[in-house]
Each structure stands twice: as C-alpha cells, then as structure tokens.
Amino acid sequence: MIPAEIAGALILAVPALFAAWIALRRQGMALFWFAAAMIVVGVGYLTMTGATTDIARGLLPGLVSAR
C-alpha cells in the first residue's frame, strides 16, 4: 500500500506538471521551471494541510493506507 499523502501528492502534481509542460513548451524552459516550482509549493501546502490525504482516500479508497 502507498501512503495516502504521497498518493494524493502524485495525483495532483503529475497532471499539473504535464499540463504546464504542454502549455509552456514553446515559451522556454525557464518559465516551465518557474511553473514547476509553483506547483511544488502548492502541493506542499496541500500536503501540510492534509488535503492530499483526503484526495487520495476519496479517489483510491482501497489502495491507500487507512491510518
């Protein structure tokens, strides 16, 4: 089983990074890295508040730990 915090963070971060890459691929890598940093800060905030745990338990009820 995967910890709920990590699962929720991956559920949020991977699509956001992919969307940022698609949207910013022609703008230069510096802008993409800035967007990636903002995504990491946002997901970190959501992890610290416990939101990623709630998201993972809501989307993957049988695959995350129940602690």
N, C-alpha and C. Protein backbone atom coordinates (compact mmCIF):
# COMPACT_ATOMS: atom_id res chain seq x y z
N MET A 1 0.83 -1.19 0.00
CA MET A 1 0.00 0.00 0.00
C MET A 1 0.87 1.24 0.00
N ILE A 2 0.39 2.25 -0.66
CA ILE A 2 1.11 3.52 -0.74
C ILE A 2 0.53 4.47 0.31
N PRO A 3 1.37 5.26 0.96
CA PRO A 3 0.84 6.23 1.93
C PRO A 3 -0.08 7.23 1.24
N ALA A 4 -1.14 7.61 1.94
CA ALA A 4 -2.15 8.50 1.36
C ALA A 4 -1.57 9.85 1.00
N GLU A 5 -0.62 10.36 1.78
CA GLU A 5 -0.03 11.67 1.49
C GLU A 5 0.71 11.66 0.15
N ILE A 6 1.46 10.61 -0.08
CA ILE A 6 2.23 10.51 -1.32
C ILE A 6 1.30 10.29 -2.51
N ALA A 7 0.31 9.43 -2.35
CA ALA A 7 -0.64 9.18 -3.44
C ALA A 7 -1.38 10.45 -3.82
N GLY A 8 -1.84 11.20 -2.84
CA GLY A 8 -2.55 12.45 -3.13
C GLY A 8 -1.66 13.48 -3.80
N ALA A 9 -0.41 13.56 -3.34
CA ALA A 9 0.53 14.50 -3.96
C ALA A 9 0.79 14.13 -5.42
N LEU A 10 0.94 12.84 -5.68
CA LEU A 10 1.16 12.40 -7.07
C LEU A 10 -0.08 12.63 -7.93
N ILE A 11 -1.25 12.40 -7.36
CA ILE A 11 -2.50 12.63 -8.09
C ILE A 11 -2.61 14.08 -8.52
N LEU A 12 -2.14 15.00 -7.68
CA LEU A 12 -2.22 16.42 -8.01
C LEU A 12 -1.05 16.91 -8.86
N ALA A 13 0.16 16.47 -8.54
CA ALA A 13 1.35 17.05 -9.15
C ALA A 13 1.60 16.56 -10.58
N VAL A 14 1.42 15.28 -10.82
CA VAL A 14 1.77 14.74 -12.14
C VAL A 14 0.92 15.37 -13.26
N PRO A 15 -0.40 15.41 -13.13
CA PRO A 15 -1.17 16.06 -14.21
C PRO A 15 -0.87 17.56 -14.33
N ALA A 16 -0.62 18.22 -13.20
CA ALA A 16 -0.32 19.65 -13.24
C ALA A 16 1.00 19.91 -13.96
N LEU A 17 2.01 19.10 -13.67
CA LEU A 17 3.30 19.26 -14.35
C LEU A 17 3.18 18.95 -15.84
N PHE A 18 2.40 17.94 -16.17
CA PHE A 18 2.19 17.59 -17.58
C PHE A 18 1.48 18.73 -18.30
N ALA A 19 0.45 19.29 -17.68
CA ALA A 19 -0.28 20.41 -18.30
C ALA A 19 0.62 21.63 -18.45
N ALA A 20 1.46 21.89 -17.46
CA ALA A 20 2.38 23.02 -17.55
C ALA A 20 3.38 22.80 -18.68
N TRP A 21 3.87 21.58 -18.81
CA TRP A 21 4.82 21.29 -19.89
C TRP A 21 4.16 21.49 -21.25
N ILE A 22 2.93 20.99 -21.41
CA ILE A 22 2.21 21.16 -22.68
C ILE A 22 1.98 22.64 -22.98
N ALA A 23 1.54 23.38 -21.97
CA ALA A 23 1.20 24.79 -22.19
C ALA A 23 2.43 25.66 -22.40
N LEU A 24 3.55 25.31 -21.79
CA LEU A 24 4.71 26.20 -21.79
C LEU A 24 5.90 25.67 -22.60
N ARG A 25 5.72 24.61 -23.36
CA ARG A 25 6.87 24.01 -24.05
C ARG A 25 7.49 24.94 -25.09
N ARG A 26 6.74 25.86 -25.63
CA ARG A 26 7.29 26.78 -26.64
C ARG A 26 7.76 28.10 -26.04
N GLN A 27 7.56 28.28 -24.75
CA GLN A 27 7.92 29.54 -24.10
C GLN A 27 9.32 29.55 -23.52
N GLY A 28 9.95 28.42 -23.47
CA GLY A 28 11.28 28.35 -22.88
C GLY A 28 11.23 27.58 -21.57
N MET A 29 12.33 26.97 -21.25
CA MET A 29 12.37 26.12 -20.07
C MET A 29 12.33 26.91 -18.76
N ALA A 30 12.79 28.15 -18.76
CA ALA A 30 12.79 28.93 -17.53
C ALA A 30 11.36 29.12 -17.00
N LEU A 31 10.43 29.39 -17.89
CA LEU A 31 9.05 29.57 -17.47
C LEU A 31 8.44 28.26 -16.98
N PHE A 32 8.79 27.16 -17.63
CA PHE A 32 8.31 25.87 -17.17
C PHE A 32 8.84 25.56 -15.77
N TRP A 33 10.13 25.83 -15.54
CA TRP A 33 10.70 25.55 -14.21
C TRP A 33 10.07 26.43 -13.14
N PHE A 34 9.71 27.65 -13.48
CA PHE A 34 9.01 28.51 -12.54
C PHE A 34 7.64 27.92 -12.22
N ALA A 35 6.93 27.48 -13.24
CA ALA A 35 5.62 26.86 -13.02
C ALA A 35 5.76 25.58 -12.19
N ALA A 36 6.79 24.80 -12.46
CA ALA A 36 7.02 23.57 -11.68
C ALA A 36 7.28 23.90 -10.22
N ALA A 37 8.04 24.95 -9.97
CA ALA A 37 8.30 25.36 -8.60
C ALA A 37 7.01 25.79 -7.90
N MET A 38 6.16 26.50 -8.60
CA MET A 38 4.88 26.92 -8.01
C MET A 38 3.97 25.72 -7.74
N ILE A 39 4.01 24.73 -8.62
CA ILE A 39 3.23 23.51 -8.41
C ILE A 39 3.74 22.77 -7.18
N VAL A 40 5.06 22.68 -7.02
CA VAL A 40 5.64 22.02 -5.86
C VAL A 40 5.25 22.74 -4.57
N VAL A 41 5.29 24.06 -4.58
CA VAL A 41 4.89 24.83 -3.40
C VAL A 41 3.41 24.59 -3.09
N GLY A 42 2.57 24.60 -4.11
CA GLY A 42 1.14 24.38 -3.90
C GLY A 42 0.84 22.99 -3.38
N VAL A 43 1.46 21.98 -3.95
CA VAL A 43 1.24 20.60 -3.48
C VAL A 43 1.82 20.43 -2.07
N GLY A 44 2.93 21.08 -1.79
CA GLY A 44 3.47 21.04 -0.43
C GLY A 44 2.52 21.63 0.58
N TYR A 45 1.91 22.75 0.24
CA TYR A 45 0.92 23.36 1.12
C TYR A 45 -0.27 22.43 1.34
N LEU A 46 -0.76 21.84 0.26
CA LEU A 46 -1.89 20.92 0.39
C LEU A 46 -1.52 19.69 1.21
N THR A 47 -0.29 19.23 1.10
CA THR A 47 0.17 18.10 1.90
C THR A 47 0.22 18.47 3.38
N MET A 48 0.73 19.65 3.68
CA MET A 48 0.82 20.08 5.08
C MET A 48 -0.55 20.29 5.71
N THR A 49 -1.55 20.66 4.94
CA THR A 49 -2.89 20.86 5.49
C THR A 49 -3.71 19.57 5.53
N GLY A 50 -3.19 18.50 4.94
CA GLY A 50 -3.90 17.22 4.96
C GLY A 50 -4.85 17.01 3.79
N ALA A 51 -4.87 17.93 2.86
CA ALA A 51 -5.80 17.81 1.74
C ALA A 51 -5.42 16.66 0.81
N THR A 52 -4.13 16.39 0.65
CA THR A 52 -3.74 15.31 -0.26
C THR A 52 -4.18 13.95 0.29
N THR A 53 -4.20 13.81 1.60
CA THR A 53 -4.69 12.58 2.21
C THR A 53 -6.16 12.38 1.90
N ASP A 54 -6.94 13.44 2.04
CA ASP A 54 -8.38 13.35 1.75
C ASP A 54 -8.63 13.04 0.28
N ILE A 55 -7.84 13.65 -0.61
CA ILE A 55 -7.99 13.41 -2.04
C ILE A 55 -7.67 11.96 -2.38
N ALA A 56 -6.58 11.44 -1.84
CA ALA A 56 -6.19 10.06 -2.12
C ALA A 56 -7.22 9.08 -1.58
N ARG A 57 -7.70 9.32 -0.38
CA ARG A 57 -8.71 8.41 0.19
C ARG A 57 -10.03 8.48 -0.57
N GLY A 58 -10.34 9.62 -1.16
CA GLY A 58 -11.56 9.75 -1.94
C GLY A 58 -11.47 9.09 -3.30
N LEU A 59 -10.27 9.16 -3.92
CA LEU A 59 -10.11 8.62 -5.27
C LEU A 59 -9.61 7.17 -5.29
N LEU A 60 -8.85 6.79 -4.28
CA LEU A 60 -8.27 5.45 -4.22
C LEU A 60 -8.56 4.79 -2.87
N PRO A 61 -9.83 4.54 -2.56
CA PRO A 61 -10.17 4.09 -1.21
C PRO A 61 -9.53 2.76 -0.81
N GLY A 62 -9.31 1.85 -1.71
CA GLY A 62 -8.75 0.56 -1.34
C GLY A 62 -7.25 0.45 -1.51
N LEU A 63 -6.62 1.46 -2.07
CA LEU A 63 -5.21 1.37 -2.40
C LEU A 63 -4.29 2.17 -1.48
N VAL A 64 -4.85 2.99 -0.61
CA VAL A 64 -4.02 3.80 0.28
C VAL A 64 -4.19 3.32 1.71
N SER A 65 -3.19 3.60 2.53
CA SER A 65 -3.27 3.19 3.92
C SER A 65 -4.34 3.99 4.65
N ALA A 66 -4.96 3.38 5.63
CA ALA A 66 -6.10 3.99 6.32
C ALA A 66 -5.72 4.75 7.56
N ARG A 67 -4.43 4.80 7.93
CA ARG A 67 -4.06 5.43 9.19
C ARG A 67 -4.66 6.73 9.32
